């Protein structure tokens, strides 16, 4: 990550002392700035939980618009998944 701050914004945030201490400890062990560790943690959150939340909200919006698969199709997909899993387990034994 470049050290110039041309593509960044300053953000002020209140964080519990124990969380700050944990970031400082990790930063020291990695020989990196605390802000670098915090930025990585924020990006990881956005990639994992943030993406999952957005996907869930988009799915709910689709349902609200009446965009859903017929029940029979969903049951067929689930049965295919179960059948594939059973076949895989049988071949492993």
PDB file of N, CA and C in Angstrom:
ATOM      1  N   UNK A   1       0.847  -1.158   0.000  1.00  0.00           N
ATOM      2  CA  UNK A   1       0.000   0.000   0.000  1.00  0.00           C
ATOM      3  C   UNK A   1       0.903   1.234   0.000  1.00  0.00           C
ATOM      4  N   UNK A   2       0.667   2.186  -0.915  1.00  0.00           N
ATOM      5  CA  UNK A   2       1.512   3.377  -0.972  1.00  0.00           C
ATOM      6  C   UNK A   2       1.385   4.211   0.290  1.00  0.00           C
ATOM      7  N   UNK A   3       2.458   4.911   0.630  1.00  0.00           N
ATOM      8  CA  UNK A   3       2.429   5.749   1.819  1.00  0.00           C
ATOM      9  C   UNK A   3       1.794   7.109   1.562  1.00  0.00           C
ATOM     10  N   UNK A   4       1.639   7.501   0.288  1.00  0.00           N
ATOM     11  CA  UNK A   4       0.969   8.776   0.051  1.00  0.00           C
ATOM     12  C   UNK A   4      -0.514   8.610   0.349  1.00  0.00           C
ATOM     13  N   UNK A   5      -1.121   9.641   0.836  1.00  0.00           N
ATOM     14  CA  UNK A   5      -2.516   9.559   1.277  1.00  0.00           C
ATOM     15  C   UNK A   5      -3.458  10.206   0.273  1.00  0.00           C
ATOM     16  N   UNK A   6      -3.057  10.260  -1.008  1.00  0.00           N
ATOM     17  CA  UNK A   6      -3.869  10.924  -2.016  1.00  0.00           C
ATOM     18  C   UNK A   6      -5.214  10.236  -2.239  1.00  0.00           C
ATOM     19  N   UNK A   7      -5.280   8.923  -2.082  1.00  0.00           N
ATOM     20  CA  UNK A   7      -6.527   8.199  -2.298  1.00  0.00           C
ATOM     21  C   UNK A   7      -7.184   7.758  -1.018  1.00  0.00           C
ATOM     22  N   UNK A   8      -6.972   8.494   0.048  1.00  0.00           N
ATOM     23  CA  UNK A   8      -7.537   8.071   1.329  1.00  0.00           C
ATOM     24  C   UNK A   8      -8.254   9.233   2.012  1.00  0.00           C
ATOM     25  N   UNK A   9      -9.020   8.880   3.021  1.00  0.00           N
ATOM     26  CA  UNK A   9      -9.754   9.871   3.803  1.00  0.00           C
ATOM     27  C   UNK A   9      -9.443   9.659   5.276  1.00  0.00           C
ATOM     28  N   UNK A  10      -9.398  10.737   6.013  1.00  0.00           N
ATOM     29  CA  UNK A  10      -9.182  10.650   7.452  1.00  0.00           C
ATOM     30  C   UNK A  10     -10.513  10.321   8.112  1.00  0.00           C
ATOM     31  N   UNK A  11     -10.497   9.344   9.029  1.00  0.00           N
ATOM     32  CA  UNK A  11     -11.694   8.934   9.747  1.00  0.00           C
ATOM     33  C   UNK A  11     -11.372   8.917  11.229  1.00  0.00           C
ATOM     34  N   UNK A  12     -12.265   9.477  12.017  1.00  0.00           N
ATOM     35  CA  UNK A  12     -12.095   9.458  13.466  1.00  0.00           C
ATOM     36  C   UNK A  12     -13.082   8.441  14.042  1.00  0.00           C
ATOM     37  N   UNK A  13     -12.582   7.593  14.947  1.00  0.00           N
ATOM     38  CA  UNK A  13     -13.396   6.499  15.448  1.00  0.00           C
ATOM     39  C   UNK A  13     -13.045   6.209  16.896  1.00  0.00           C
ATOM     40  N   UNK A  14     -14.049   6.017  17.736  1.00  0.00           N
ATOM     41  CA  UNK A  14     -13.800   5.632  19.124  1.00  0.00           C
ATOM     42  C   UNK A  14     -13.782   4.116  19.202  1.00  0.00           C
ATOM     43  N   UNK A  15     -12.687   3.586  19.752  1.00  0.00           N
ATOM     44  CA  UNK A  15     -12.486   2.140  19.854  1.00  0.00           C
ATOM     45  C   UNK A  15     -12.080   1.813  21.292  1.00  0.00           C
ATOM     46  N   UNK A  16     -12.612   0.732  21.855  1.00  0.00           N
ATOM     47  CA  UNK A  16     -12.222   0.357  23.217  1.00  0.00           C
ATOM     48  C   UNK A  16     -10.710   0.169  23.333  1.00  0.00           C
ATOM     49  N   UNK A  17     -10.182   0.496  24.502  1.00  0.00           N
ATOM     50  CA  UNK A  17      -8.730   0.424  24.732  1.00  0.00           C
ATOM     51  C   UNK A  17      -8.159  -0.967  24.465  1.00  0.00           C
ATOM     52  N   UNK A  18      -8.903  -2.013  24.835  1.00  0.00           N
ATOM     53  CA  UNK A  18      -8.369  -3.362  24.628  1.00  0.00           C
ATOM     54  C   UNK A  18      -8.229  -3.706  23.149  1.00  0.00           C
ATOM     55  N   UNK A  19      -9.135  -3.187  22.324  1.00  0.00           N
ATOM     56  CA  UNK A  19      -9.046  -3.441  20.884  1.00  0.00           C
ATOM     57  C   UNK A  19      -7.856  -2.685  20.296  1.00  0.00           C
ATOM     58  N   UNK A  20      -7.674  -1.446  20.728  1.00  0.00           N
ATOM     59  CA  UNK A  20      -6.520  -0.670  20.268  1.00  0.00           C
ATOM     60  C   UNK A  20      -5.226  -1.375  20.677  1.00  0.00           C
ATOM     61  N   UNK A  21      -5.187  -1.871  21.906  1.00  0.00           N
ATOM     62  CA  UNK A  21      -3.997  -2.571  22.386  1.00  0.00           C
ATOM     63  C   UNK A  21      -3.716  -3.818  21.551  1.00  0.00           C
ATOM     64  N   UNK A  22      -4.752  -4.531  21.184  1.00  0.00           N
ATOM     65  CA  UNK A  22      -4.572  -5.734  20.363  1.00  0.00           C
ATOM     66  C   UNK A  22      -4.013  -5.357  18.988  1.00  0.00           C
ATOM     67  N   UNK A  23      -4.523  -4.269  18.411  1.00  0.00           N
ATOM     68  CA  UNK A  23      -3.998  -3.805  17.123  1.00  0.00           C
ATOM     69  C   UNK A  23      -2.536  -3.370  17.260  1.00  0.00           C
ATOM     70  N   UNK A  24      -2.231  -2.675  18.348  1.00  0.00           N
ATOM     71  CA  UNK A  24      -0.856  -2.218  18.560  1.00  0.00           C
ATOM     72  C   UNK A  24       0.102  -3.390  18.737  1.00  0.00           C
ATOM     73  N   UNK A  25      -0.327  -4.400  19.468  1.00  0.00           N
ATOM     74  CA  UNK A  25       0.516  -5.581  19.671  1.00  0.00           C
ATOM     75  C   UNK A  25       0.788  -6.294  18.343  1.00  0.00           C
ATOM     76  N   UNK A  26      -0.269  -6.485  17.561  1.00  0.00           N
ATOM     77  CA  UNK A  26      -0.107  -7.150  16.274  1.00  0.00           C
ATOM     78  C   UNK A  26       0.775  -6.321  15.335  1.00  0.00           C
ATOM     79  N   UNK A  27       0.552  -5.018  15.321  1.00  0.00           N
ATOM     80  CA  UNK A  27       1.360  -4.134  14.471  1.00  0.00           C
ATOM     81  C   UNK A  27       2.834  -4.212  14.861  1.00  0.00           C
ATOM     82  N   UNK A  28       3.112  -4.233  16.146  1.00  0.00           N
ATOM     83  CA  UNK A  28       4.503  -4.312  16.610  1.00  0.00           C
ATOM     84  C   UNK A  28       5.140  -5.634  16.184  1.00  0.00           C
ATOM     85  N   UNK A  29       4.390  -6.719  16.319  1.00  0.00           N
ATOM     86  CA  UNK A  29       4.930  -8.033  15.947  1.00  0.00           C
ATOM     87  C   UNK A  29       5.158  -8.142  14.439  1.00  0.00           C
ATOM     88  N   UNK A  30       4.329  -7.446  13.678  1.00  0.00           N
ATOM     89  CA  UNK A  30       4.478  -7.462  12.223  1.00  0.00           C
ATOM     90  C   UNK A  30       5.428  -6.374  11.722  1.00  0.00           C
ATOM     91  N   UNK A  31       5.844  -5.516  12.626  1.00  0.00           N
ATOM     92  CA  UNK A  31       6.682  -4.367  12.274  1.00  0.00           C
ATOM     93  C   UNK A  31       5.994  -3.518  11.200  1.00  0.00           C
ATOM     94  N   UNK A  32       4.727  -3.244  11.448  1.00  0.00           N
ATOM     95  CA  UNK A  32       3.892  -2.441  10.548  1.00  0.00           C
ATOM     96  C   UNK A  32       3.192  -1.363  11.365  1.00  0.00           C
ATOM     97  N   UNK A  33       2.748  -0.311  10.715  1.00  0.00           N
ATOM     98  CA  UNK A  33       1.965   0.704  11.434  1.00  0.00           C
ATOM     99  C   UNK A  33       0.611   0.141  11.871  1.00  0.00           C
ATOM    100  N   UNK A  34       0.124   0.657  12.977  1.00  0.00           N
ATOM    101  CA  UNK A  34      -1.180   0.222  13.484  1.00  0.00           C
ATOM    102  C   UNK A  34      -2.268   0.455  12.435  1.00  0.00           C
ATOM    103  N   UNK A  35      -2.207   1.558  11.720  1.00  0.00           N
ATOM    104  CA  UNK A  35      -3.223   1.857  10.709  1.00  0.00           C
ATOM    105  C   UNK A  35      -3.221   0.816   9.589  1.00  0.00           C
ATOM    106  N   UNK A  36      -2.060   0.261   9.265  1.00  0.00           N
ATOM    107  CA  UNK A  36      -1.966  -0.768   8.234  1.00  0.00           C
ATOM    108  C   UNK A  36      -2.729  -2.021   8.677  1.00  0.00           C
ATOM    109  N   UNK A  37      -2.543  -2.401   9.942  1.00  0.00           N
ATOM    110  CA  UNK A  37      -3.231  -3.579  10.481  1.00  0.00           C
ATOM    111  C   UNK A  37      -4.736  -3.331  10.528  1.00  0.00           C
ATOM    112  N   UNK A  38      -5.139  -2.155  10.953  1.00  0.00           N
ATOM    113  CA  UNK A  38      -6.562  -1.829  11.038  1.00  0.00           C
ATOM    114  C   UNK A  38      -7.202  -1.815   9.649  1.00  0.00           C
ATOM    115  N   UNK A  39      -6.508  -1.277   8.679  1.00  0.00           N
ATOM    116  CA  UNK A  39      -7.044  -1.241   7.320  1.00  0.00           C
ATOM    117  C   UNK A  39      -7.234  -2.650   6.773  1.00  0.00           C
ATOM    118  N   UNK A  40      -6.268  -3.526   7.032  1.00  0.00           N
ATOM    119  CA  UNK A  40      -6.417  -4.922   6.591  1.00  0.00           C
ATOM    120  C   UNK A  40      -7.620  -5.585   7.256  1.00  0.00           C
ATOM    121  N   UNK A  41      -7.813  -5.312   8.540  1.00  0.00           N
ATOM    122  CA  UNK A  41      -8.959  -5.888   9.258  1.00  0.00           C
ATOM    123  C   UNK A  41     -10.276  -5.378   8.674  1.00  0.00           C
ATOM    124  N   UNK A  42     -10.343  -4.103   8.366  1.00  0.00           N
ATOM    125  CA  UNK A  42     -11.560  -3.540   7.782  1.00  0.00           C
ATOM    126  C   UNK A  42     -11.835  -4.125   6.395  1.00  0.00           C
ATOM    127  N   UNK A  43     -10.793  -4.245   5.602  1.00  0.00           N
ATOM    128  CA  UNK A  43     -10.978  -4.825   4.265  1.00  0.00           C
ATOM    129  C   UNK A  43     -11.438  -6.278   4.360  1.00  0.00           C
ATOM    130  N   UNK A  44     -10.869  -7.026   5.284  1.00  0.00           N
ATOM    131  CA  UNK A  44     -11.268  -8.427   5.456  1.00  0.00           C
ATOM    132  C   UNK A  44     -12.727  -8.518   5.873  1.00  0.00           C
ATOM    133  N   UNK A  45     -13.150  -7.636   6.765  1.00  0.00           N
ATOM    134  CA  UNK A  45     -14.555  -7.611   7.188  1.00  0.00           C
ATOM    135  C   UNK A  45     -15.463  -7.345   5.988  1.00  0.00           C
ATOM    136  N   UNK A  46     -15.092  -6.357   5.173  1.00  0.00           N
ATOM    137  CA  UNK A  46     -15.920  -6.025   4.016  1.00  0.00           C
ATOM    138  C   UNK A  46     -15.989  -7.185   3.032  1.00  0.00           C
ATOM    139  N   UNK A  47     -14.895  -7.896   2.837  1.00  0.00           N
ATOM    140  CA  UNK A  47     -14.881  -9.028   1.919  1.00  0.00           C
ATOM    141  C   UNK A  47     -15.710 -10.201   2.444  1.00  0.00           C
ATOM    142  N   UNK A  48     -15.688 -10.413   3.744  1.00  0.00           N
ATOM    143  CA  UNK A  48     -16.385 -11.565   4.331  1.00  0.00           C
ATOM    144  C   UNK A  48     -17.803 -11.200   4.756  1.00  0.00           C
ATOM    145  N   UNK A  49     -17.933 -10.649   5.930  1.00  0.00           N
ATOM    146  CA  UNK A  49     -19.252 -10.360   6.484  1.00  0.00           C
ATOM    147  C   UNK A  49     -19.986  -9.289   5.693  1.00  0.00           C
ATOM    148  N   UNK A  50     -19.276  -8.267   5.269  1.00  0.00           N
ATOM    149  CA  UNK A  50     -19.930  -7.199   4.504  1.00  0.00           C
ATOM    150  C   UNK A  50     -20.544  -7.726   3.226  1.00  0.00           C
ATOM    151  N   UNK A  51     -19.798  -8.557   2.502  1.00  0.00           N
ATOM    152  CA  UNK A  51     -20.310  -9.137   1.259  1.00  0.00           C
ATOM    153  C   UNK A  51     -21.505 -10.044   1.530  1.00  0.00           C
ATOM    154  N   UNK A  52     -21.450 -10.799   2.627  1.00  0.00           N
ATOM    155  CA  UNK A  52     -22.562 -11.688   2.979  1.00  0.00           C
ATOM    156  C   UNK A  52     -23.816 -10.888   3.321  1.00  0.00           C
ATOM    157  N   UNK A  53     -23.659  -9.796   4.041  1.00  0.00           N
ATOM    158  CA  UNK A  53     -24.801  -8.949   4.394  1.00  0.00           C
ATOM    159  C   UNK A  53     -25.434  -8.368   3.135  1.00  0.00           C
ATOM    160  N   UNK A  54     -24.595  -7.879   2.224  1.00  0.00           N
ATOM    161  CA  UNK A  54     -25.115  -7.312   0.978  1.00  0.00           C
ATOM    162  C   UNK A  54     -25.857  -8.368   0.174  1.00  0.00           C
ATOM    163  N   UNK A  55     -25.294  -9.568   0.087  1.00  0.00           N
ATOM    164  CA  UNK A  55     -25.942 -10.659  -0.643  1.00  0.00           C
ATOM    165  C   UNK A  55     -27.295 -11.001  -0.024  1.00  0.00           C
ATOM    166  N   UNK A  56     -27.344 -11.052   1.310  1.00  0.00           N
ATOM    167  CA  UNK A  56     -28.607 -11.344   1.992  1.00  0.00           C
ATOM    168  C   UNK A  56     -29.646 -10.267   1.719  1.00  0.00           C
ATOM    169  N   UNK A  57     -29.227  -9.008   1.767  1.00  0.00           N
ATOM    170  CA  UNK A  57     -30.161  -7.908   1.516  1.00  0.00           C
ATOM    171  C   UNK A  57     -30.667  -7.922   0.077  1.00  0.00           C
ATOM    172  N   UNK A  58     -29.779  -8.247  -0.864  1.00  0.00           N
ATOM    173  CA  UNK A  58     -30.197  -8.351  -2.265  1.00  0.00           C
ATOM    174  C   UNK A  58     -31.182  -9.499  -2.449  1.00  0.00           C
ATOM    175  N   UNK A  59     -30.950 -10.609  -1.758  1.00  0.00           N
ATOM    176  CA  UNK A  59     -31.871 -11.747  -1.839  1.00  0.00           C
ATOM    177  C   UNK A  59     -33.235 -11.382  -1.281  1.00  0.00           C
ATOM    178  N   UNK A  60     -33.250 -10.675  -0.158  1.00  0.00           N
ATOM    179  CA  UNK A  60     -34.525 -10.244   0.422  1.00  0.00           C
ATOM    180  C   UNK A  60     -35.257  -9.285  -0.507  1.00  0.00           C
ATOM    181  N   UNK A  61     -34.518  -8.400  -1.161  1.00  0.00           N
ATOM    182  CA  UNK A  61     -35.133  -7.470  -2.106  1.00  0.00           C
ATOM    183  C   UNK A  61     -35.745  -8.230  -3.279  1.00  0.00           C
ATOM    184  N   UNK A  62     -35.064  -9.278  -3.751  1.00  0.00           N
ATOM    185  CA  UNK A  62     -35.616 -10.106  -4.831  1.00  0.00           C
ATOM    186  C   UNK A  62     -36.925 -10.755  -4.391  1.00  0.00           C
ATOM    187  N   UNK A  63     -36.943 -11.272  -3.177  1.00  0.00           N
ATOM    188  CA  UNK A  63     -38.171 -11.882  -2.666  1.00  0.00           C
ATOM    189  C   UNK A  63     -39.287 -10.845  -2.556  1.00  0.00           C
ATOM    190  N   UNK A  64     -38.953  -9.640  -2.091  1.00  0.00           N
ATOM    191  CA  UNK A  64     -39.952  -8.575  -1.984  1.00  0.00           C
ATOM    192  C   UNK A  64     -40.534  -8.217  -3.352  1.00  0.00           C
ATOM    193  N   UNK A  65     -39.714  -8.337  -4.391  1.00  0.00           N
ATOM    194  CA  UNK A  65     -40.185  -8.041  -5.756  1.00  0.00           C
ATOM    195  C   UNK A  65     -40.898  -9.242  -6.377  1.00  0.00           C
ATOM    196  N   UNK A  66     -40.968 -10.341  -5.641  1.00  0.00           N
ATOM    197  CA  UNK A  66     -41.628 -11.534  -6.148  1.00  0.00           C
ATOM    198  C   UNK A  66     -40.739 -12.378  -7.040  1.00  0.00           C
ATOM    199  N   UNK A  67     -39.452 -12.105  -7.015  1.00  0.00           N
ATOM    200  CA  UNK A  67     -38.497 -12.856  -7.832  1.00  0.00           C
ATOM    201  C   UNK A  67     -37.977 -14.049  -7.026  1.00  0.00           C
ATOM    202  N   UNK A  68     -38.568 -15.185  -7.246  1.00  0.00           N
ATOM    203  CA  UNK A  68     -38.103 -16.381  -6.541  1.00  0.00           C
ATOM    204  C   UNK A  68     -38.285 -17.590  -7.446  1.00  0.00           C
ATOM    205  N   UNK A  69     -37.573 -18.631  -7.143  1.00  0.00           N
ATOM    206  CA  UNK A  69     -37.683 -19.872  -7.909  1.00  0.00           C
ATOM    207  C   UNK A  69     -38.887 -20.652  -7.394  1.00  0.00           C
ATOM    208  N   UNK A  70     -39.537 -21.390  -8.283  1.00  0.00           N
ATOM    209  CA  UNK A  70     -40.651 -22.229  -7.833  1.00  0.00           C
ATOM    210  C   UNK A  70     -40.156 -23.267  -6.815  1.00  0.00           C
ATOM    211  N   UNK A  71     -40.998 -23.629  -5.882  1.00  0.00           N
ATOM    212  CA  UNK A  71     -40.639 -24.581  -4.832  1.00  0.00           C
ATOM    213  C   UNK A  71     -40.135 -25.892  -5.420  1.00  0.00           C
ATOM    214  N   UNK A  72     -40.779 -26.367  -6.461  1.00  0.00           N
ATOM    215  CA  UNK A  72     -40.388 -27.641  -7.063  1.00  0.00           C
ATOM    216  C   UNK A  72     -38.946 -27.577  -7.575  1.00  0.00           C
ATOM    217  N   UNK A  73     -38.565 -26.466  -8.166  1.00  0.00           N
ATOM    218  CA  UNK A  73     -37.199 -26.320  -8.666  1.00  0.00           C
ATOM    219  C   UNK A  73     -36.199 -26.317  -7.519  1.00  0.00           C
ATOM    220  N   UNK A  74     -36.543 -25.643  -6.426  1.00  0.00           N
ATOM    221  CA  UNK A  74     -35.661 -25.610  -5.261  1.00  0.00           C
ATOM    222  C   UNK A  74     -35.486 -27.002  -4.671  1.00  0.00           C
ATOM    223  N   UNK A  75     -36.567 -27.756  -4.585  1.00  0.00           N
ATOM    224  CA  UNK A  75     -36.501 -29.124  -4.064  1.00  0.00           C
ATOM    225  C   UNK A  75     -35.626 -29.988  -4.969  1.00  0.00           C
ATOM    226  N   UNK A  76     -35.763 -29.846  -6.286  1.00  0.00           N
ATOM    227  CA  UNK A  76     -34.944 -30.618  -7.227  1.00  0.00           C
ATOM    228  C   UNK A  76     -33.463 -30.303  -7.039  1.00  0.00           C
ATOM    229  N   UNK A  77     -33.124 -29.031  -6.874  1.00  0.00           N
ATOM    230  CA  UNK A  77     -31.724 -28.631  -6.686  1.00  0.00           C
ATOM    231  C   UNK A  77     -31.173 -29.241  -5.397  1.00  0.00           C
ATOM    232  N   UNK A  78     -31.937 -29.166  -4.318  1.00  0.00           N
ATOM    233  CA  UNK A  78     -31.493 -29.718  -3.038  1.00  0.00           C
ATOM    234  C   UNK A  78     -31.306 -31.232  -3.152  1.00  0.00           C
ATOM    235  N   UNK A  79     -32.225 -31.913  -3.815  1.00  0.00           N
ATOM    236  CA  UNK A  79     -32.094 -33.361  -3.977  1.00  0.00           C
ATOM    237  C   UNK A  79     -30.851 -33.715  -4.791  1.00  0.00           C
ATOM    238  N   UNK A  80     -30.544 -32.922  -5.809  1.00  0.00           N
ATOM    239  CA  UNK A  80     -29.329 -33.154  -6.597  1.00  0.00           C
ATOM    240  C   UNK A  80     -28.083 -32.985  -5.739  1.00  0.00           C
ATOM    241  N   UNK A  81     -28.090 -31.974  -4.894  1.00  0.00           N
ATOM    242  CA  UNK A  81     -26.949 -31.745  -4.003  1.00  0.00           C
ATOM    243  C   UNK A  81     -26.780 -32.921  -3.052  1.00  0.00           C
ATOM    244  N   UNK A  82     -27.878 -33.367  -2.465  1.00  0.00           N
ATOM    245  CA  UNK A  82     -27.832 -34.506  -1.548  1.00  0.00           C
ATOM    246  C   UNK A  82     -27.358 -35.764  -2.273  1.00  0.00           C
ATOM    247  N   UNK A  83     -27.853 -35.998  -3.477  1.00  0.00           N
ATOM    248  CA  UNK A  83     -27.438 -37.169  -4.244  1.00  0.00           C
ATOM    249  C   UNK A  83     -25.958 -37.134  -4.567  1.00  0.00           C
ATOM    250  N   UNK A  84     -25.458 -35.976  -4.950  1.00  0.00           N
ATOM    251  CA  UNK A  84     -24.032 -35.838  -5.252  1.00  0.00           C
ATOM    252  C   UNK A  84     -23.196 -36.086  -4.017  1.00  0.00           C
ATOM    253  N   UNK A  85     -23.635 -35.576  -2.882  1.00  0.00           N
ATOM    254  CA  UNK A  85     -22.912 -35.773  -1.627  1.00  0.00           C
ATOM    255  C   UNK A  85     -22.887 -37.249  -1.249  1.00  0.00           C
ATOM    256  N   UNK A  86     -23.995 -37.931  -1.406  1.00  0.00           N
ATOM    257  CA  UNK A  86     -24.050 -39.363  -1.082  1.00  0.00           C
ATOM    258  C   UNK A  86     -23.114 -40.161  -1.981  1.00  0.00           C
ATOM    259  N   UNK A  87     -23.088 -39.829  -3.268  1.00  0.00           N
ATOM    260  CA  UNK A  87     -22.207 -40.526  -4.203  1.00  0.00           C
ATOM    261  C   UNK A  87     -20.750 -40.304  -3.827  1.00  0.00           C
ATOM    262  N   UNK A  88     -20.412 -39.076  -3.463  1.00  0.00           N
ATOM    263  CA  UNK A  88     -19.048 -38.749  -3.084  1.00  0.00           C
ATOM    264  C   UNK A  88     -18.643 -39.522  -1.848  1.00  0.00           C
ATOM    265  N   UNK A  89     -19.519 -39.599  -0.858  1.00  0.00           N
ATOM    266  CA  UNK A  89     -19.216 -40.332   0.372  1.00  0.00           C
ATOM    267  C   UNK A  89     -19.068 -41.819   0.102  1.00  0.00           C
ATOM    268  N   UNK A  90     -19.896 -42.368  -0.774  1.00  0.00           N
ATOM    269  CA  UNK A  90     -19.854 -43.792  -1.098  1.00  0.00           C
ATOM    270  C   UNK A  90     -18.518 -44.140  -1.761  1.00  0.00           C
ATOM    271  N   UNK A  91     -18.041 -43.266  -2.658  1.00  0.00           N
ATOM    272  CA  UNK A  91     -16.778 -43.534  -3.363  1.00  0.00           C
ATOM    273  C   UNK A  91     -15.576 -43.400  -2.442  1.00  0.00           C
ATOM    274  N   UNK A  92     -15.677 -42.652  -1.388  1.00  0.00           N
ATOM    275  CA  UNK A  92     -14.554 -42.462  -0.459  1.00  0.00           C
ATOM    276  C   UNK A  92     -14.348 -43.657   0.446  1.00  0.00           C
ATOM    277  N   UNK A  93     -15.386 -44.435   0.685  1.00  0.00           N
ATOM    278  CA  UNK A  93     -15.297 -45.558   1.633  1.00  0.00           C
ATOM    279  C   UNK A  93     -14.508 -46.693   1.096  1.00  0.00           C
TER     280      UNK A  93
END
